[in-house]
Amino acid sequence: LNLPYDINQYSPTVNNYICIYEYSPIMVN
């Protein structure tokens, strides 16, 4: 919901990763 860098913390088994860069109504929509 904020930072794309979080993916570096997850296991390589995470295959589907989306970053919306901000948790705002327009981005959640």
Full PDB file with SEQRES, HELIX, SHEET, SSBOND, CRYST1, ORIGX, SCALE, CONECT and MASTER records, all heavy atoms in Angstrom:
SEQRES   1 A   29  LEU ASN LEU PRO TYR ASP ILE ASN GLN TYR SER PRO THR          
SEQRES   2 A   29  VAL ASN ASN TYR ILE CYS ILE TYR GLU TYR SER PRO ILE          
SEQRES   3 A   29  MET VAL ASN                                                  
HELIX    1 AA1 PRO A    4  GLN A    9  5                                   6    
HELIX    2 AA2 PRO A   25  VAL A   28  1                                   4    
CRYST1    1.000    1.000    1.000  90.00  90.00  90.00 P 1           1          
ORIGX1      1.000000  0.000000  0.000000        0.00000                         
ORIGX2      0.000000  1.000000  0.000000        0.00000                         
ORIGX3      0.000000  0.000000  1.000000        0.00000                         
SCALE1      1.000000  0.000000  0.000000        0.00000                         
SCALE2      0.000000  1.000000  0.000000        0.00000                         
SCALE3      0.000000  0.000000  1.000000        0.00000                         
ATOM      1  N   LEU A   1       0.814  -1.212   0.000  1.00  0.00           N  
ATOM      2  CA  LEU A   1       0.000   0.000   0.000  1.00  0.00           C  
ATOM      3  C   LEU A   1       0.850   1.266   0.000  1.00  0.00           C  
ATOM      4  O   LEU A   1       0.344   2.343  -0.308  1.00  0.00           O  
ATOM      5  CB  LEU A   1      -0.941  -0.005   1.200  1.00  0.00           C  
ATOM      6  CG  LEU A   1      -1.940  -1.169   1.234  1.00  0.00           C  
ATOM      7  CD1 LEU A   1      -2.719  -1.151   2.539  1.00  0.00           C  
ATOM      8  CD2 LEU A   1      -2.866  -1.128   0.041  1.00  0.00           C  
ATOM      9  N   ASN A   2       2.116   1.149   0.325  1.00  0.00           N  
ATOM     10  CA  ASN A   2       2.987   2.326   0.373  1.00  0.00           C  
ATOM     11  C   ASN A   2       4.283   2.126  -0.408  1.00  0.00           C  
ATOM     12  O   ASN A   2       4.459   2.685  -1.461  1.00  0.00           O  
ATOM     13  CB  ASN A   2       3.317   2.715   1.821  1.00  0.00           C  
ATOM     14  CG  ASN A   2       2.141   3.299   2.550  1.00  0.00           C  
ATOM     15  OD1 ASN A   2       1.392   4.077   1.983  1.00  0.00           O  
ATOM     16  ND2 ASN A   2       1.955   2.917   3.791  1.00  0.00           N  
ATOM     17  N   LEU A   3       5.177   1.334   0.143  1.00  0.00           N  
ATOM     18  CA  LEU A   3       6.524   1.233  -0.408  1.00  0.00           C  
ATOM     19  C   LEU A   3       6.752  -0.031  -1.225  1.00  0.00           C  
ATOM     20  O   LEU A   3       6.425  -1.124  -0.766  1.00  0.00           O  
ATOM     21  CB  LEU A   3       7.550   1.272   0.734  1.00  0.00           C  
ATOM     22  CG  LEU A   3       7.503   2.502   1.621  1.00  0.00           C  
ATOM     23  CD1 LEU A   3       8.460   2.358   2.790  1.00  0.00           C  
ATOM     24  CD2 LEU A   3       7.828   3.743   0.814  1.00  0.00           C  
ATOM     25  N   PRO A   4       7.336   0.089  -2.403  1.00  0.00           N  
ATOM     26  CA  PRO A   4       7.601  -1.099  -3.209  1.00  0.00           C  
ATOM     27  C   PRO A   4       8.728  -1.964  -2.639  1.00  0.00           C  
ATOM     28  O   PRO A   4       8.817  -3.141  -2.952  1.00  0.00           O  
ATOM     29  CB  PRO A   4       8.009  -0.511  -4.564  1.00  0.00           C  
ATOM     30  CG  PRO A   4       8.564   0.821  -4.238  1.00  0.00           C  
ATOM     31  CD  PRO A   4       7.764   1.313  -3.054  1.00  0.00           C  
ATOM     32  N   TYR A   5       9.557  -1.402  -1.791  1.00  0.00           N  
ATOM     33  CA  TYR A   5      10.725  -2.112  -1.273  1.00  0.00           C  
ATOM     34  C   TYR A   5      10.378  -3.295  -0.379  1.00  0.00           C  
ATOM     35  O   TYR A   5      11.221  -4.146  -0.136  1.00  0.00           O  
ATOM     36  CB  TYR A   5      11.625  -1.153  -0.495  1.00  0.00           C  
ATOM     37  CG  TYR A   5      12.084   0.018  -1.306  1.00  0.00           C  
ATOM     38  CD1 TYR A   5      11.549   1.275  -1.091  1.00  0.00           C  
ATOM     39  CD2 TYR A   5      13.047  -0.137  -2.300  1.00  0.00           C  
ATOM     40  CE1 TYR A   5      11.965   2.366  -1.839  1.00  0.00           C  
ATOM     41  CE2 TYR A   5      13.466   0.942  -3.054  1.00  0.00           C  
ATOM     42  CZ  TYR A   5      12.918   2.198  -2.816  1.00  0.00           C  
ATOM     43  OH  TYR A   5      13.334   3.259  -3.568  1.00  0.00           O  
ATOM     44  N   ASP A   6       9.143  -3.364   0.105  1.00  0.00           N  
ATOM     45  CA  ASP A   6       8.752  -4.468   0.982  1.00  0.00           C  
ATOM     46  C   ASP A   6       8.967  -5.826   0.325  1.00  0.00           C  
ATOM     47  O   ASP A   6       9.211  -6.818   1.010  1.00  0.00           O  
ATOM     48  CB  ASP A   6       7.290  -4.330   1.410  1.00  0.00           C  
ATOM     49  CG  ASP A   6       7.071  -3.200   2.389  1.00  0.00           C  
ATOM     50  OD1 ASP A   6       8.067  -2.636   2.894  1.00  0.00           O  
ATOM     51  OD2 ASP A   6       5.896  -2.881   2.654  1.00  0.00           O  
ATOM     52  N   ILE A   7       8.904  -5.891  -0.989  1.00  0.00           N  
ATOM     53  CA  ILE A   7       9.079  -7.172  -1.673  1.00  0.00           C  
ATOM     54  C   ILE A   7      10.425  -7.810  -1.344  1.00  0.00           C  
ATOM     55  O   ILE A   7      10.566  -9.023  -1.336  1.00  0.00           O  
ATOM     56  CB  ILE A   7       8.893  -7.063  -3.203  1.00  0.00           C  
ATOM     57  CG1 ILE A   7       8.732  -8.465  -3.801  1.00  0.00           C  
ATOM     58  CG2 ILE A   7      10.034  -6.289  -3.828  1.00  0.00           C  
ATOM     59  CD1 ILE A   7       8.299  -8.502  -5.234  1.00  0.00           C  
ATOM     60  N   ASN A   8      11.402  -6.996  -1.034  1.00  0.00           N  
ATOM     61  CA  ASN A   8      12.730  -7.522  -0.703  1.00  0.00           C  
ATOM     62  C   ASN A   8      12.735  -8.303   0.608  1.00  0.00           C  
ATOM     63  O   ASN A   8      13.677  -9.037   0.877  1.00  0.00           O  
ATOM     64  CB  ASN A   8      13.752  -6.385  -0.637  1.00  0.00           C  
ATOM     65  CG  ASN A   8      13.939  -5.718  -1.977  1.00  0.00           C  
ATOM     66  OD1 ASN A   8      13.862  -6.355  -3.015  1.00  0.00           O  
ATOM     67  ND2 ASN A   8      14.149  -4.418  -1.963  1.00  0.00           N  
ATOM     68  N   GLN A   9      11.686  -8.147   1.403  1.00  0.00           N  
ATOM     69  CA  GLN A   9      11.585  -8.838   2.686  1.00  0.00           C  
ATOM     70  C   GLN A   9      10.910 -10.200   2.561  1.00  0.00           C  
ATOM     71  O   GLN A   9      11.003 -11.018   3.462  1.00  0.00           O  
ATOM     72  CB  GLN A   9      10.789  -7.992   3.682  1.00  0.00           C  
ATOM     73  CG  GLN A   9      11.329  -6.602   3.898  1.00  0.00           C  
ATOM     74  CD  GLN A   9      12.725  -6.630   4.474  1.00  0.00           C  
ATOM     75  OE1 GLN A   9      13.007  -7.381   5.400  1.00  0.00           O  
ATOM     76  NE2 GLN A   9      13.606  -5.813   3.923  1.00  0.00           N  
ATOM     77  N   TYR A  10      10.221 -10.429   1.442  1.00  0.00           N  
ATOM     78  CA  TYR A  10       9.429 -11.641   1.295  1.00  0.00           C  
ATOM     79  C   TYR A  10      10.222 -12.750   0.618  1.00  0.00           C  
ATOM     80  O   TYR A  10      11.186 -12.507  -0.092  1.00  0.00           O  
ATOM     81  CB  TYR A  10       8.157 -11.364   0.490  1.00  0.00           C  
ATOM     82  CG  TYR A  10       7.272 -10.310   1.098  1.00  0.00           C  
ATOM     83  CD1 TYR A  10       6.813  -9.249   0.352  1.00  0.00           C  
ATOM     84  CD2 TYR A  10       6.902 -10.370   2.437  1.00  0.00           C  
ATOM     85  CE1 TYR A  10       5.995  -8.276   0.908  1.00  0.00           C  
ATOM     86  CE2 TYR A  10       6.093  -9.401   3.000  1.00  0.00           C  
ATOM     87  CZ  TYR A  10       5.639  -8.358   2.224  1.00  0.00           C  
ATOM     88  OH  TYR A  10       4.847  -7.401   2.787  1.00  0.00           O  
ATOM     89  N   SER A  11       9.730 -13.951   0.803  1.00  0.00           N  
ATOM     90  CA  SER A  11      10.297 -15.133   0.177  1.00  0.00           C  
ATOM     91  C   SER A  11      10.198 -15.013  -1.346  1.00  0.00           C  
ATOM     92  O   SER A  11       9.268 -14.400  -1.868  1.00  0.00           O  
ATOM     93  CB  SER A  11       9.522 -16.356   0.659  1.00  0.00           C  
ATOM     94  OG  SER A  11       9.785 -17.458  -0.152  1.00  0.00           O  
ATOM     95  N   PRO A  12      11.127 -15.635  -2.068  1.00  0.00           N  
ATOM     96  CA  PRO A  12      11.026 -15.655  -3.535  1.00  0.00           C  
ATOM     97  C   PRO A  12       9.777 -16.379  -4.047  1.00  0.00           C  
ATOM     98  O   PRO A  12       9.480 -16.323  -5.231  1.00  0.00           O  
ATOM     99  CB  PRO A  12      12.291 -16.398  -3.975  1.00  0.00           C  
ATOM    100  CG  PRO A  12      13.233 -16.278  -2.830  1.00  0.00           C  
ATOM    101  CD  PRO A  12      12.384 -16.202  -1.596  1.00  0.00           C  
ATOM    102  N   THR A  13       9.038 -17.029  -3.164  1.00  0.00           N  
ATOM    103  CA  THR A  13       7.805 -17.710  -3.581  1.00  0.00           C  
ATOM    104  C   THR A  13       6.655 -16.729  -3.801  1.00  0.00           C  
ATOM    105  O   THR A  13       5.593 -17.134  -4.268  1.00  0.00           O  
ATOM    106  CB  THR A  13       7.381 -18.784  -2.559  1.00  0.00           C  
ATOM    107  OG1 THR A  13       7.217 -18.185  -1.273  1.00  0.00           O  
ATOM    108  CG2 THR A  13       8.412 -19.898  -2.477  1.00  0.00           C  
ATOM    109  N   VAL A  14       6.843 -15.453  -3.476  1.00  0.00           N  
ATOM    110  CA  VAL A  14       5.825 -14.434  -3.763  1.00  0.00           C  
ATOM    111  C   VAL A  14       5.967 -14.074  -5.245  1.00  0.00           C  
ATOM    112  O   VAL A  14       6.934 -13.443  -5.655  1.00  0.00           O  
ATOM    113  CB  VAL A  14       5.995 -13.185  -2.873  1.00  0.00           C  
ATOM    114  CG1 VAL A  14       5.054 -12.072  -3.317  1.00  0.00           C  
ATOM    115  CG2 VAL A  14       5.751 -13.531  -1.420  1.00  0.00           C  
ATOM    116  N   ASN A  15       4.990 -14.516  -6.031  1.00  0.00           N  
ATOM    117  CA  ASN A  15       5.045 -14.335  -7.485  1.00  0.00           C  
ATOM    118  C   ASN A  15       4.209 -13.177  -7.999  1.00  0.00           C  
ATOM    119  O   ASN A  15       4.410 -12.724  -9.113  1.00  0.00           O  
ATOM    120  CB  ASN A  15       4.559 -15.617  -8.180  1.00  0.00           C  
ATOM    121  CG  ASN A  15       5.448 -16.788  -7.883  1.00  0.00           C  
ATOM    122  OD1 ASN A  15       6.659 -16.683  -7.918  1.00  0.00           O  
ATOM    123  ND2 ASN A  15       4.842 -17.922  -7.587  1.00  0.00           N  
ATOM    124  N   ASN A  16       3.261 -12.714  -7.195  1.00  0.00           N  
ATOM    125  CA  ASN A  16       2.325 -11.677  -7.632  1.00  0.00           C  
ATOM    126  C   ASN A  16       2.386 -10.513  -6.655  1.00  0.00           C  
ATOM    127  O   ASN A  16       1.879 -10.607  -5.541  1.00  0.00           O  
ATOM    128  CB  ASN A  16       0.902 -12.243  -7.686  1.00  0.00           C  
ATOM    129  CG  ASN A  16       0.835 -13.489  -8.541  1.00  0.00           C  
ATOM    130  OD1 ASN A  16       1.043 -13.427  -9.741  1.00  0.00           O  
ATOM    131  ND2 ASN A  16       0.570 -14.625  -7.926  1.00  0.00           N  
ATOM    132  N   TYR A  17       2.990  -9.427  -7.087  1.00  0.00           N  
ATOM    133  CA  TYR A  17       3.240  -8.288  -6.203  1.00  0.00           C  
ATOM    134  C   TYR A  17       2.819  -7.010  -6.913  1.00  0.00           C  
ATOM    135  O   TYR A  17       3.245  -6.742  -8.039  1.00  0.00           O  
ATOM    136  CB  TYR A  17       4.724  -8.243  -5.851  1.00  0.00           C  
ATOM    137  CG  TYR A  17       5.099  -7.228  -4.808  1.00  0.00           C  
ATOM    138  CD1 TYR A  17       4.865  -7.464  -3.461  1.00  0.00           C  
ATOM    139  CD2 TYR A  17       5.703  -6.036  -5.158  1.00  0.00           C  
ATOM    140  CE1 TYR A  17       5.220  -6.553  -2.495  1.00  0.00           C  
ATOM    141  CE2 TYR A  17       6.069  -5.103  -4.192  1.00  0.00           C  
ATOM    142  CZ  TYR A  17       5.825  -5.372  -2.872  1.00  0.00           C  
ATOM    143  OH  TYR A  17       6.181  -4.452  -1.909  1.00  0.00           O  
ATOM    144  N   ILE A  18       1.973  -6.240  -6.246  1.00  0.00           N  
ATOM    145  CA  ILE A  18       1.482  -4.977  -6.791  1.00  0.00           C  
ATOM    146  C   ILE A  18       1.757  -3.894  -5.754  1.00  0.00           C  
ATOM    147  O   ILE A  18       1.512  -4.083  -4.570  1.00  0.00           O  
ATOM    148  CB  ILE A  18      -0.039  -5.040  -7.055  1.00  0.00           C  
ATOM    149  CG1 ILE A  18      -0.357  -6.146  -8.056  1.00  0.00           C  
ATOM    150  CG2 ILE A  18      -0.556  -3.690  -7.533  1.00  0.00           C  
ATOM    151  CD1 ILE A  18      -1.839  -6.453  -8.163  1.00  0.00           C  
ATOM    152  N   CYS A  19       2.240  -2.766  -6.216  1.00  0.00           N  
ATOM    153  CA  CYS A  19       2.437  -1.626  -5.312  1.00  0.00           C  
ATOM    154  C   CYS A  19       1.585  -0.470  -5.805  1.00  0.00           C  
ATOM    155  O   CYS A  19       1.650  -0.095  -6.975  1.00  0.00           O  
ATOM    156  CB  CYS A  19       3.903  -1.204  -5.259  1.00  0.00           C  
ATOM    157  SG  CYS A  19       4.174   0.138  -4.088  1.00  0.00           S  
ATOM    158  N   ILE A  20       0.772   0.094  -4.899  1.00  0.00           N  
ATOM    159  CA  ILE A  20      -0.064   1.233  -5.285  1.00  0.00           C  
ATOM    160  C   ILE A  20       0.501   2.564  -4.760  1.00  0.00           C  
ATOM    161  O   ILE A  20      -0.065   3.606  -5.020  1.00  0.00           O  
ATOM    162  CB  ILE A  20      -1.536   1.043  -4.868  1.00  0.00           C  
ATOM    163  CG1 ILE A  20      -1.710   0.975  -3.356  1.00  0.00           C  
ATOM    164  CG2 ILE A  20      -2.123  -0.175  -5.548  1.00  0.00           C  
ATOM    165  CD1 ILE A  20      -3.172   1.006  -2.917  1.00  0.00           C  
ATOM    166  N   TYR A  21       1.592   2.523  -4.018  1.00  0.00           N  
ATOM    167  CA  TYR A  21       2.355   3.693  -3.583  1.00  0.00           C  
ATOM    168  C   TYR A  21       1.663   4.614  -2.587  1.00  0.00           C  
ATOM    169  O   TYR A  21       2.308   5.434  -1.965  1.00  0.00           O  
ATOM    170  CB  TYR A  21       2.844   4.511  -4.777  1.00  0.00           C  
ATOM    171  CG  TYR A  21       3.871   3.778  -5.596  1.00  0.00           C  
ATOM    172  CD1 TYR A  21       3.505   3.057  -6.720  1.00  0.00           C  
ATOM    173  CD2 TYR A  21       5.204   3.768  -5.220  1.00  0.00           C  
ATOM    174  CE1 TYR A  21       4.439   2.370  -7.464  1.00  0.00           C  
ATOM    175  CE2 TYR A  21       6.155   3.085  -5.957  1.00  0.00           C  
ATOM    176  CZ  TYR A  21       5.757   2.392  -7.079  1.00  0.00           C  
ATOM    177  OH  TYR A  21       6.688   1.708  -7.806  1.00  0.00           O  
ATOM    178  N   GLU A  22       0.370   4.542  -2.433  1.00  0.00           N  
ATOM    179  CA  GLU A  22      -0.307   5.347  -1.419  1.00  0.00           C  
ATOM    180  C   GLU A  22      -1.649   4.726  -1.081  1.00  0.00           C  
ATOM    181  O   GLU A  22      -2.329   4.181  -1.946  1.00  0.00           O  
ATOM    182  CB  GLU A  22      -0.511   6.787  -1.879  1.00  0.00           C  
ATOM    183  CG  GLU A  22      -1.427   6.932  -3.073  1.00  0.00           C  
ATOM    184  CD  GLU A  22      -1.629   8.375  -3.492  1.00  0.00           C  
ATOM    185  OE1 GLU A  22      -0.764   8.905  -4.207  1.00  0.00           O  
ATOM    186  OE2 GLU A  22      -2.651   8.954  -3.078  1.00  0.00           O  
ATOM    187  N   TYR A  23      -1.999   4.798   0.167  1.00  0.00           N  
ATOM    188  CA  TYR A  23      -3.266   4.239   0.638  1.00  0.00           C  
ATOM    189  C   TYR A  23      -4.285   5.364   0.683  1.00  0.00           C  
ATOM    190  O   TYR A  23      -4.527   5.981   1.710  1.00  0.00           O  
ATOM    191  CB  TYR A  23      -3.059   3.591   2.007  1.00  0.00           C  
ATOM    192  CG  TYR A  23      -4.272   2.879   2.542  1.00  0.00           C  
ATOM    193  CD1 TYR A  23      -4.887   1.880   1.802  1.00  0.00           C  
ATOM    194  CD2 TYR A  23      -4.794   3.197   3.779  1.00  0.00           C  
ATOM    195  CE1 TYR A  23      -5.996   1.211   2.291  1.00  0.00           C  
ATOM    196  CE2 TYR A  23      -5.905   2.529   4.279  1.00  0.00           C  
ATOM    197  CZ  TYR A  23      -6.497   1.545   3.526  1.00  0.00           C  
ATOM    198  OH  TYR A  23      -7.591   0.886   4.005  1.00  0.00           O  
ATOM    199  N   SER A  24      -4.847   5.660  -0.487  1.00  0.00           N  
ATOM    200  CA  SER A  24      -5.840   6.725  -0.599  1.00  0.00           C  
ATOM    201  C   SER A  24      -7.071   6.151  -1.301  1.00  0.00           C  
ATOM    202  O   SER A  24      -6.982   5.129  -1.985  1.00  0.00           O  
ATOM    203  CB  SER A  24      -5.269   7.894  -1.408  1.00  0.00           C  
ATOM    204  OG  SER A  24      -5.040   7.488  -2.747  1.00  0.00           O  
ATOM    205  N   PRO A  25      -8.219   6.794  -1.152  1.00  0.00           N  
ATOM    206  CA  PRO A  25      -9.433   6.267  -1.781  1.00  0.00           C  
ATOM    207  C   PRO A  25      -9.288   6.068  -3.296  1.00  0.00           C  
ATOM    208  O   PRO A  25      -9.749   5.067  -3.836  1.00  0.00           O  
ATOM    209  CB  PRO A  25     -10.494   7.316  -1.453  1.00  0.00           C  
ATOM    210  CG  PRO A  25     -10.021   7.916  -0.163  1.00  0.00           C  
ATOM    211  CD  PRO A  25      -8.513   7.942  -0.283  1.00  0.00           C  
ATOM    212  N   ILE A  26      -8.659   6.990  -3.986  1.00  0.00           N  
ATOM    213  CA  ILE A  26      -8.536   6.859  -5.442  1.00  0.00           C  
ATOM    214  C   ILE A  26      -7.653   5.667  -5.822  1.00  0.00           C  
ATOM    215  O   ILE A  26      -7.945   4.939  -6.772  1.00  0.00           O  
ATOM    216  CB  ILE A  26      -8.021   8.172  -6.093  1.00  0.00           C  
ATOM    217  CG1 ILE A  26      -8.266   8.126  -7.592  1.00  0.00           C  
ATOM    218  CG2 ILE A  26      -6.566   8.424  -5.780  1.00  0.00           C  
ATOM    219  CD1 ILE A  26      -8.116   9.472  -8.280  1.00  0.00           C  
ATOM    220  N   MET A  27      -6.579   5.429  -5.068  1.00  0.00           N  
ATOM    221  CA  MET A  27      -5.702   4.305  -5.379  1.00  0.00           C  
ATOM    222  C   MET A  27      -6.346   2.972  -4.996  1.00  0.00           C  
ATOM    223  O   MET A  27      -6.188   1.977  -5.696  1.00  0.00           O  
ATOM    224  CB  MET A  27      -4.350   4.472  -4.694  1.00  0.00           C  
ATOM    225  CG  MET A  27      -3.526   5.620  -5.264  1.00  0.00           C  
ATOM    226  SD  MET A  27      -3.301   5.539  -7.050  1.00  0.00           S  
ATOM    227  CE  MET A  27      -2.251   4.113  -7.188  1.00  0.00           C  
ATOM    228  N   VAL A  28      -7.075   2.946  -3.887  1.00  0.00           N  
ATOM    229  CA  VAL A  28      -7.763   1.718  -3.484  1.00  0.00           C  
ATOM    230  C   VAL A  28      -8.847   1.377  -4.507  1.00  0.00           C  
ATOM    231  O   VAL A  28      -9.031   0.209  -4.867  1.00  0.00           O  
ATOM    232  CB  VAL A  28      -8.330   1.841  -2.055  1.00  0.00           C  
ATOM    233  CG1 VAL A  28      -9.239   0.673  -1.720  1.00  0.00           C  
ATOM    234  CG2 VAL A  28      -7.186   1.948  -1.049  1.00  0.00           C  
ATOM    235  N   ASN A  29      -9.540   2.387  -5.020  1.00  0.00           N  
ATOM    236  CA  ASN A  29     -10.540   2.156  -6.052  1.00  0.00           C  
ATOM    237  C   ASN A  29      -9.879   1.620  -7.332  1.00  0.00           C  
ATOM    238  O   ASN A  29     -10.388   0.688  -7.961  1.00  0.00           O  
ATOM    239  CB  ASN A  29     -11.329   3.428  -6.356  1.00  0.00           C  
ATOM    240  CG  ASN A  29     -12.463   3.159  -7.315  1.00  0.00           C  
ATOM    241  OD1 ASN A  29     -13.264   2.266  -7.118  1.00  0.00           O  
ATOM    242  ND2 ASN A  29     -12.511   3.933  -8.390  1.00  0.00           N  
TER     243      ASN A  29                                                      
MASTER        0    0    0    2    0    0    0    6  242    1    0    3          
END                                                                             
